[in-house]
Amino acid sequence: MDDDREYLPLSSLSQADYCLRRAALLLNERVWVESADTAKGRLEHERVHTERIERRGAQLKLYEYPVFCEELGLSGKCDCIEAQRDETGSRMPAADFPVTLYPIEYKHGSVRRESEYEIQLCAQAMCLEEMYHTSIAEGALFYISAHKRLPVAFTPQLRDSVRRTAQALRAVRDTLTIPDAQYSAKCRRCSLRDYCMPQVKTSAQAYCDALAAEAQETL
C-alpha cells in the first residue's frame, strides 16, 4: 500500500452512488448531521462490531477487517468476512489454510435492494481480490433487525458501477468541488438537507454565501 497516496474511504462509495453532492460535502467540507436513521444505524453497528477473529473448525469469521485497493484508490474495513477452508482457495495472514472469501456488509432497516449498498459490498470484494490474488463471485447484505441475508452477485456490470463511482468520487476530491444540487425524493430523508439546501437555486446560494462572508468580515 502506497503511504503517500490519499486513499478515499471505502464507505464513501455508497454515499457517492446515493448522491455525489452528499459524498462531496462529507468528504471535502467534513459536514455531518445526525438524524434518527443515521443514529440508529450507527448504534446497531457499534453493538455488533469489534475487530476480532472467530474460529469454528474450517471456517473463520473476520470482523472489522481492514482492506485497500490500489486500482480503486480506496481503503476501509469489511464488517465481516467469512473465510471457508478450500484447498483451491487463496492464502491470507489470518488463516492457517487456503480459503474462499465471502464478504458481508451489515445494514439496518427493512430488507431491500439498494444500488449503493451493493456497490459498497462489491468494492470490498474487489479490495480482497487485489490483496489476496483471488476471485470472489458473491457476498451478502445482512439486515440486522430482520436477521436476514440478501445475496449479491458481483457481476461485470456491478464491478463497472464500482469503478465509475470511484472515479466520480476521486474527481470531486481531487478538485475539491461540490456538485450542484439535484433535488429528488432522496432529499426528503437526507440528514444533510438543511445544510445542502437542494431546492435553493445556485445563484441564490452564491448570493447567500456572499452575504455570509461579508458579515464575517465586519465582525
C-alpha atoms as a PDB file:
ATOM      1  CA  MET A   1       0.000   0.000   0.000  1.00  0.00           C
ATOM      2  CA  ASP A   2       1.392   3.393  -1.068  1.00  0.00           C
ATOM      3  CA  ASP A   3       1.599   5.504   2.100  1.00  0.00           C
ATOM      4  CA  ASP A   4       1.901   8.757   0.085  1.00  0.00           C
ATOM      5  CA  ARG A   5      -1.357   8.271  -1.786  1.00  0.00           C
ATOM      6  CA  GLU A   6      -4.640   9.535  -0.409  1.00  0.00           C
ATOM      7  CA  TYR A   7      -6.928   6.538  -0.243  1.00  0.00           C
ATOM      8  CA  LEU A   8     -10.554   7.602  -0.111  1.00  0.00           C
ATOM      9  CA  PRO A   9     -12.898   5.966   2.418  1.00  0.00           C
ATOM     10  CA  LEU A  10     -14.485   2.854   1.009  1.00  0.00           C
ATOM     11  CA  SER A  11     -17.723   3.798   2.747  1.00  0.00           C
ATOM     12  CA  SER A  12     -17.863   6.989   0.645  1.00  0.00           C
ATOM     13  CA  LEU A  13     -18.731   4.897  -2.406  1.00  0.00           C
ATOM     14  CA  SER A  14     -22.225   4.210  -1.138  1.00  0.00           C
ATOM     15  CA  GLN A  15     -22.651   7.922  -0.373  1.00  0.00           C
ATOM     16  CA  ALA A  16     -21.462   8.832  -3.880  1.00  0.00           C
ATOM     17  CA  ASP A  17     -23.880   6.429  -5.554  1.00  0.00           C
ATOM     18  CA  TYR A  18     -26.743   7.740  -3.422  1.00  0.00           C
ATOM     19  CA  CYS A  19     -25.822  11.383  -4.070  1.00  0.00           C
ATOM     20  CA  LEU A  20     -22.447  12.663  -5.283  1.00  0.00           C
ATOM     21  CA  ARG A  21     -23.123  16.095  -3.741  1.00  0.00           C
ATOM     22  CA  ARG A  22     -23.701  14.465  -0.339  1.00  0.00           C
ATOM     23  CA  ALA A  23     -20.472  12.491  -0.679  1.00  0.00           C
ATOM     24  CA  ALA A  24     -18.561  15.662  -1.587  1.00  0.00           C
ATOM     25  CA  LEU A  25     -19.985  17.576   1.382  1.00  0.00           C
ATOM     26  CA  LEU A  26     -18.973  14.769   3.714  1.00  0.00           C
ATOM     27  CA  LEU A  27     -15.526  14.333   2.210  1.00  0.00           C
ATOM     28  CA  ASN A  28     -14.477  17.867   1.271  1.00  0.00           C
ATOM     29  CA  GLU A  29     -16.298  20.007   3.834  1.00  0.00           C
ATOM     30  CA  ARG A  30     -16.407  17.412   6.638  1.00  0.00           C
ATOM     31  CA  VAL A  31     -20.100  18.071   7.150  1.00  0.00           C
ATOM     32  CA  TRP A  32     -22.055  15.623   9.279  1.00  0.00           C
ATOM     33  CA  VAL A  33     -25.563  15.961  10.642  1.00  0.00           C
ATOM     34  CA  GLU A  34     -27.073  13.165  12.713  1.00  0.00           C
ATOM     35  CA  SER A  35     -30.627  12.018  12.051  1.00  0.00           C
ATOM     36  CA  ALA A  36     -32.781   9.321  13.602  1.00  0.00           C
ATOM     37  CA  ASP A  37     -31.875   6.948  10.766  1.00  0.00           C
ATOM     38  CA  THR A  38     -28.123   7.567  10.909  1.00  0.00           C
ATOM     39  CA  ALA A  39     -28.125   7.336  14.719  1.00  0.00           C
ATOM     40  CA  LYS A  40     -29.949   4.005  14.643  1.00  0.00           C
ATOM     41  CA  GLY A  41     -27.584   2.611  12.044  1.00  0.00           C
ATOM     42  CA  ARG A  42     -24.520   3.790  13.952  1.00  0.00           C
ATOM     43  CA  LEU A  43     -25.707   2.297  17.243  1.00  0.00           C
ATOM     44  CA  GLU A  44     -26.554  -1.042  15.609  1.00  0.00           C
ATOM     45  CA  HIS A  45     -23.093  -1.173  14.058  1.00  0.00           C
ATOM     46  CA  GLU A  46     -21.444  -0.342  17.369  1.00  0.00           C
ATOM     47  CA  ARG A  47     -23.285  -3.188  19.101  1.00  0.00           C
ATOM     48  CA  VAL A  48     -22.179  -5.869  16.660  1.00  0.00           C
ATOM     49  CA  HIS A  49     -18.756  -4.654  15.541  1.00  0.00           C
ATOM     50  CA  THR A  50     -15.445  -5.072  17.248  1.00  0.00           C
ATOM     51  CA  GLU A  51     -12.303  -6.076  15.413  1.00  0.00           C
ATOM     52  CA  ARG A  52     -11.877  -9.786  16.070  1.00  0.00           C
ATOM     53  CA  ILE A  53     -11.493 -13.241  14.547  1.00  0.00           C
ATOM     54  CA  GLU A  54     -13.813 -16.138  15.364  1.00  0.00           C
ATOM     55  CA  ARG A  55     -12.639 -19.651  14.510  1.00  0.00           C
ATOM     56  CA  ARG A  56     -15.038 -22.552  14.042  1.00  0.00           C
ATOM     57  CA  GLY A  57     -13.328 -25.574  12.567  1.00  0.00           C
ATOM     58  CA  ALA A  58     -12.734 -24.982   8.870  1.00  0.00           C
ATOM     59  CA  GLN A  59     -14.297 -21.511   8.912  1.00  0.00           C
ATOM     60  CA  LEU A  60     -13.093 -18.125  10.156  1.00  0.00           C
ATOM     61  CA  LYS A  61     -15.173 -15.008  10.653  1.00  0.00           C
ATOM     62  CA  LEU A  62     -13.138 -11.825  10.410  1.00  0.00           C
ATOM     63  CA  TYR A  63     -14.855  -8.738  11.812  1.00  0.00           C
ATOM     64  CA  GLU A  64     -13.897  -5.128  11.028  1.00  0.00           C
ATOM     65  CA  TYR A  65     -11.180  -6.392   8.691  1.00  0.00           C
ATOM     66  CA  PRO A  66      -9.031  -3.640   7.086  1.00  0.00           C
ATOM     67  CA  VAL A  67      -8.767  -3.675   3.287  1.00  0.00           C
ATOM     68  CA  PHE A  68      -7.474  -1.441   0.480  1.00  0.00           C
ATOM     69  CA  CYS A  69      -7.358  -1.371  -3.303  1.00  0.00           C
ATOM     70  CA  GLU A  70      -4.703   0.309  -5.457  1.00  0.00           C
ATOM     71  CA  GLU A  71      -6.897   0.188  -8.568  1.00  0.00           C
ATOM     72  CA  LEU A  72      -9.819   1.966  -6.916  1.00  0.00           C
ATOM     73  CA  GLY A  73      -7.747   4.148  -4.571  1.00  0.00           C
ATOM     74  CA  LEU A  74      -9.906   3.123  -1.617  1.00  0.00           C
ATOM     75  CA  SER A  75      -9.352   1.813   1.883  1.00  0.00           C
ATOM     76  CA  GLY A  76     -11.639   0.865   4.729  1.00  0.00           C
ATOM     77  CA  LYS A  77     -12.967  -2.074   6.678  1.00  0.00           C
ATOM     78  CA  CYS A  78     -15.232  -5.002   5.918  1.00  0.00           C
ATOM     79  CA  ASP A  79     -17.944  -5.550   8.505  1.00  0.00           C
ATOM     80  CA  CYS A  80     -17.453  -9.317   8.258  1.00  0.00           C
ATOM     81  CA  ILE A  81     -15.627 -11.774   6.021  1.00  0.00           C
ATOM     82  CA  GLU A  82     -16.395 -15.472   6.117  1.00  0.00           C
ATOM     83  CA  ALA A  83     -13.266 -17.416   5.204  1.00  0.00           C
ATOM     84  CA  GLN A  84     -14.059 -21.058   4.423  1.00  0.00           C
ATOM     85  CA  ARG A  85     -11.343 -23.673   4.056  1.00  0.00           C
ATOM     86  CA  ASP A  86     -10.839 -24.583   0.395  1.00  0.00           C
ATOM     87  CA  GLU A  87      -7.725 -26.255  -0.967  1.00  0.00           C
ATOM     88  CA  THR A  88      -8.164 -24.325  -4.230  1.00  0.00           C
ATOM     89  CA  GLY A  89      -8.565 -21.023  -2.370  1.00  0.00           C
ATOM     90  CA  SER A  90      -6.168 -18.194  -1.540  1.00  0.00           C
ATOM     91  CA  ARG A  91      -3.830 -17.573   1.362  1.00  0.00           C
ATOM     92  CA  MET A  92      -4.250 -14.772   3.886  1.00  0.00           C
ATOM     93  CA  PRO A  93      -2.388 -13.998   7.137  1.00  0.00           C
ATOM     94  CA  ALA A  94      -5.383 -14.675   9.386  1.00  0.00           C
ATOM     95  CA  ALA A  95      -5.817 -18.281   8.191  1.00  0.00           C
ATOM     96  CA  ASP A  96      -3.553 -21.312   8.546  1.00  0.00           C
ATOM     97  CA  PHE A  97      -5.091 -22.888   5.442  1.00  0.00           C
ATOM     98  CA  PRO A  98      -6.260 -21.763   1.990  1.00  0.00           C
ATOM     99  CA  VAL A  99      -9.718 -20.178   1.982  1.00  0.00           C
ATOM    100  CA  THR A 100     -12.503 -18.815  -0.177  1.00  0.00           C
ATOM    101  CA  LEU A 101     -13.744 -15.397   0.932  1.00  0.00           C
ATOM    102  CA  TYR A 102     -17.318 -14.185   1.350  1.00  0.00           C
ATOM    103  CA  PRO A 103     -17.741 -10.526   2.407  1.00  0.00           C
ATOM    104  CA  ILE A 104     -20.821  -9.485   4.389  1.00  0.00           C
ATOM    105  CA  GLU A 105     -21.984  -5.903   4.931  1.00  0.00           C
ATOM    106  CA  TYR A 106     -24.299  -5.116   7.852  1.00  0.00           C
ATOM    107  CA  LYS A 107     -27.274  -2.819   7.294  1.00  0.00           C
ATOM    108  CA  HIS A 108     -30.276  -1.690   9.313  1.00  0.00           C
ATOM    109  CA  GLY A 109     -33.866  -1.101   8.286  1.00  0.00           C
ATOM    110  CA  SER A 110     -36.093  -3.197   6.063  1.00  0.00           C
ATOM    111  CA  VAL A 111     -34.645  -5.793   3.707  1.00  0.00           C
ATOM    112  CA  ARG A 112     -34.290  -4.154   0.311  1.00  0.00           C
ATOM    113  CA  ARG A 113     -32.015  -3.951  -2.681  1.00  0.00           C
ATOM    114  CA  GLU A 114     -30.173  -0.638  -2.889  1.00  0.00           C
ATOM    115  CA  SER A 115     -27.530   0.033  -5.538  1.00  0.00           C
ATOM    116  CA  GLU A 116     -25.334   1.978  -3.107  1.00  0.00           C
ATOM    117  CA  TYR A 117     -25.211  -0.972  -0.705  1.00  0.00           C
ATOM    118  CA  GLU A 118     -24.323  -3.409  -3.477  1.00  0.00           C
ATOM    119  CA  ILE A 119     -21.611  -1.095  -4.825  1.00  0.00           C
ATOM    120  CA  GLN A 120     -20.018  -0.790  -1.371  1.00  0.00           C
ATOM    121  CA  LEU A 121     -20.067  -4.570  -0.871  1.00  0.00           C
ATOM    122  CA  CYS A 122     -18.668  -5.256  -4.340  1.00  0.00           C
ATOM    123  CA  ALA A 123     -15.864  -2.747  -3.711  1.00  0.00           C
ATOM    124  CA  GLN A 124     -14.929  -4.707  -0.584  1.00  0.00           C
ATOM    125  CA  ALA A 125     -14.716  -7.869  -2.677  1.00  0.00           C
ATOM    126  CA  MET A 126     -12.529  -6.096  -5.247  1.00  0.00           C
ATOM    127  CA  CYS A 127     -10.204  -4.990  -2.447  1.00  0.00           C
ATOM    128  CA  LEU A 128      -9.901  -8.564  -1.197  1.00  0.00           C
ATOM    129  CA  GLU A 129      -9.345  -9.888  -4.709  1.00  0.00           C
ATOM    130  CA  GLU A 130      -6.452  -7.489  -5.254  1.00  0.00           C
ATOM    131  CA  MET A 131      -4.932  -8.095  -1.813  1.00  0.00           C
ATOM    132  CA  TYR A 132      -5.062 -11.887  -1.927  1.00  0.00           C
ATOM    133  CA  HIS A 133      -4.992 -12.627  -5.673  1.00  0.00           C
ATOM    134  CA  THR A 134      -8.299 -14.399  -5.604  1.00  0.00           C
ATOM    135  CA  SER A 135     -11.730 -14.271  -7.211  1.00  0.00           C
ATOM    136  CA  ILE A 136     -14.970 -13.611  -5.305  1.00  0.00           C
ATOM    137  CA  ALA A 137     -18.260 -14.239  -7.062  1.00  0.00           C
ATOM    138  CA  GLU A 138     -20.722 -13.299  -4.337  1.00  0.00           C
ATOM    139  CA  GLY A 139     -21.244 -11.669  -0.958  1.00  0.00           C
ATOM    140  CA  ALA A 140     -24.251 -10.699   1.117  1.00  0.00           C
ATOM    141  CA  LEU A 141     -26.008  -7.815   2.822  1.00  0.00           C
ATOM    142  CA  PHE A 142     -27.091  -8.754   6.337  1.00  0.00           C
ATOM    143  CA  TYR A 143     -30.039  -6.804   7.736  1.00  0.00           C
ATOM    144  CA  ILE A 144     -29.524  -6.697  11.480  1.00  0.00           C
ATOM    145  CA  SER A 145     -33.101  -6.161  12.664  1.00  0.00           C
ATOM    146  CA  ALA A 146     -34.573  -8.730  10.282  1.00  0.00           C
ATOM    147  CA  HIS A 147     -31.713 -11.219  10.815  1.00  0.00           C
ATOM    148  CA  LYS A 148     -31.764 -11.917   7.095  1.00  0.00           C
ATOM    149  CA  ARG A 149     -29.112 -12.151   4.397  1.00  0.00           C
ATOM    150  CA  LEU A 150     -29.581 -10.803   0.899  1.00  0.00           C
ATOM    151  CA  PRO A 151     -27.061 -12.407  -1.514  1.00  0.00           C
ATOM    152  CA  VAL A 152     -25.350 -10.100  -4.020  1.00  0.00           C
ATOM    153  CA  ALA A 153     -23.671 -11.436  -7.178  1.00  0.00           C
ATOM    154  CA  PHE A 154     -20.579  -9.471  -8.232  1.00  0.00           C
ATOM    155  CA  THR A 155     -21.418  -9.226 -11.910  1.00  0.00           C
ATOM    156  CA  PRO A 156     -19.312  -7.405 -14.524  1.00  0.00           C
ATOM    157  CA  GLN A 157     -21.994  -4.704 -14.607  1.00  0.00           C
ATOM    158  CA  LEU A 158     -21.786  -4.161 -10.839  1.00  0.00           C
ATOM    159  CA  ARG A 159     -17.986  -4.052 -10.969  1.00  0.00           C
ATOM    160  CA  ASP A 160     -18.174  -1.407 -13.716  1.00  0.00           C
ATOM    161  CA  SER A 161     -20.525   0.611 -11.491  1.00  0.00           C
ATOM    162  CA  VAL A 162     -17.972   0.415  -8.681  1.00  0.00           C
ATOM    163  CA  ARG A 163     -15.225   1.755 -10.952  1.00  0.00           C
ATOM    164  CA  ARG A 164     -17.379   4.587 -12.338  1.00  0.00           C
ATOM    165  CA  THR A 165     -18.475   5.625  -8.847  1.00  0.00           C
ATOM    166  CA  ALA A 166     -14.897   5.528  -7.557  1.00  0.00           C
ATOM    167  CA  GLN A 167     -13.774   7.712 -10.473  1.00  0.00           C
ATOM    168  CA  ALA A 168     -16.534  10.244  -9.816  1.00  0.00           C
ATOM    169  CA  LEU A 169     -15.634  10.348  -6.126  1.00  0.00           C
ATOM    170  CA  ARG A 170     -11.944  10.801  -6.953  1.00  0.00           C
ATOM    171  CA  ALA A 171     -12.772  13.673  -9.324  1.00  0.00           C
ATOM    172  CA  VAL A 172     -14.661  15.704  -6.700  1.00  0.00           C
ATOM    173  CA  ARG A 173     -11.936  15.027  -4.160  1.00  0.00           C
ATOM    174  CA  ASP A 174      -9.032  15.967  -6.434  1.00  0.00           C
ATOM    175  CA  THR A 175     -10.736  19.205  -7.500  1.00  0.00           C
ATOM    176  CA  LEU A 176     -12.288  19.887  -4.068  1.00  0.00           C
ATOM    177  CA  THR A 177     -15.566  20.660  -5.809  1.00  0.00           C
ATOM    178  CA  ILE A 178     -19.137  20.296  -4.602  1.00  0.00           C
ATOM    179  CA  PRO A 179     -21.557  19.266  -7.376  1.00  0.00           C
ATOM    180  CA  ASP A 180     -24.726  21.288  -7.813  1.00  0.00           C
ATOM    181  CA  ALA A 181     -27.796  20.004  -6.010  1.00  0.00           C
ATOM    182  CA  GLN A 182     -30.282  17.903  -7.943  1.00  0.00           C
ATOM    183  CA  TYR A 183     -33.469  17.774  -5.924  1.00  0.00           C
ATOM    184  CA  SER A 184     -35.225  14.388  -5.821  1.00  0.00           C
ATOM    185  CA  ALA A 185     -37.257  12.188  -3.496  1.00  0.00           C
ATOM    186  CA  LYS A 186     -33.993  11.087  -1.841  1.00  0.00           C
ATOM    187  CA  CYS A 187     -33.508  14.577  -0.449  1.00  0.00           C
ATOM    188  CA  ARG A 188     -36.511  14.326   1.858  1.00  0.00           C
ATOM    189  CA  ARG A 189     -34.793  11.807   4.175  1.00  0.00           C
ATOM    190  CA  CYS A 190     -31.230  13.067   3.818  1.00  0.00           C
ATOM    191  CA  SER A 191     -29.678  14.172   7.111  1.00  0.00           C
ATOM    192  CA  LEU A 192     -27.772  16.948   5.271  1.00  0.00           C
ATOM    193  CA  ARG A 193     -30.858  18.503   3.693  1.00  0.00           C
ATOM    194  CA  ASP A 194     -30.817  21.697   5.761  1.00  0.00           C
ATOM    195  CA  TYR A 195     -27.112  22.206   5.064  1.00  0.00           C
ATOM    196  CA  CYS A 196     -27.286  21.215   1.391  1.00  0.00           C
ATOM    197  CA  MET A 197     -30.458  23.228   0.634  1.00  0.00           C
ATOM    198  CA  PRO A 198     -31.173  21.267  -2.559  1.00  0.00           C
ATOM    199  CA  GLN A 199     -34.172  23.401  -3.555  1.00  0.00           C
ATOM    200  CA  VAL A 200     -32.207  26.669  -3.442  1.00  0.00           C
ATOM    201  CA  LYS A 201     -31.022  27.769  -6.869  1.00  0.00           C
ATOM    202  CA  THR A 202     -27.266  28.021  -7.410  1.00  0.00           C
ATOM    203  CA  SER A 203     -27.437  31.807  -7.938  1.00  0.00           C
ATOM    204  CA  ALA A 204     -29.358  32.257  -4.696  1.00  0.00           C
ATOM    205  CA  GLN A 205     -26.910  30.044  -2.844  1.00  0.00           C
ATOM    206  CA  ALA A 206     -23.978  32.073  -4.129  1.00  0.00           C
ATOM    207  CA  TYR A 207     -25.713  35.274  -3.035  1.00  0.00           C
ATOM    208  CA  CYS A 208     -26.310  33.867   0.461  1.00  0.00           C
ATOM    209  CA  ASP A 209     -22.692  32.746   0.692  1.00  0.00           C
ATOM    210  CA  ALA A 210     -21.502  36.222  -0.301  1.00  0.00           C
ATOM    211  CA  LEU A 211     -23.704  37.850   2.358  1.00  0.00           C
ATOM    212  CA  ALA A 212     -22.373  35.460   4.980  1.00  0.00           C
ATOM    213  CA  ALA A 213     -18.765  36.196   4.008  1.00  0.00           C
ATOM    214  CA  GLU A 214     -19.438  39.938   4.130  1.00  0.00           C
ATOM    215  CA  ALA A 215     -20.990  39.614   7.582  1.00  0.00           C
ATOM    216  CA  GLN A 216     -17.923  37.734   8.822  1.00  0.00           C
ATOM    217  CA  GLU A 217     -15.610  40.488   7.583  1.00  0.00           C
ATOM    218  CA  THR A 218     -17.483  43.128   9.584  1.00  0.00           C
ATOM    219  CA  LEU A 219     -17.239  41.224  12.874  1.00  0.00           C
END
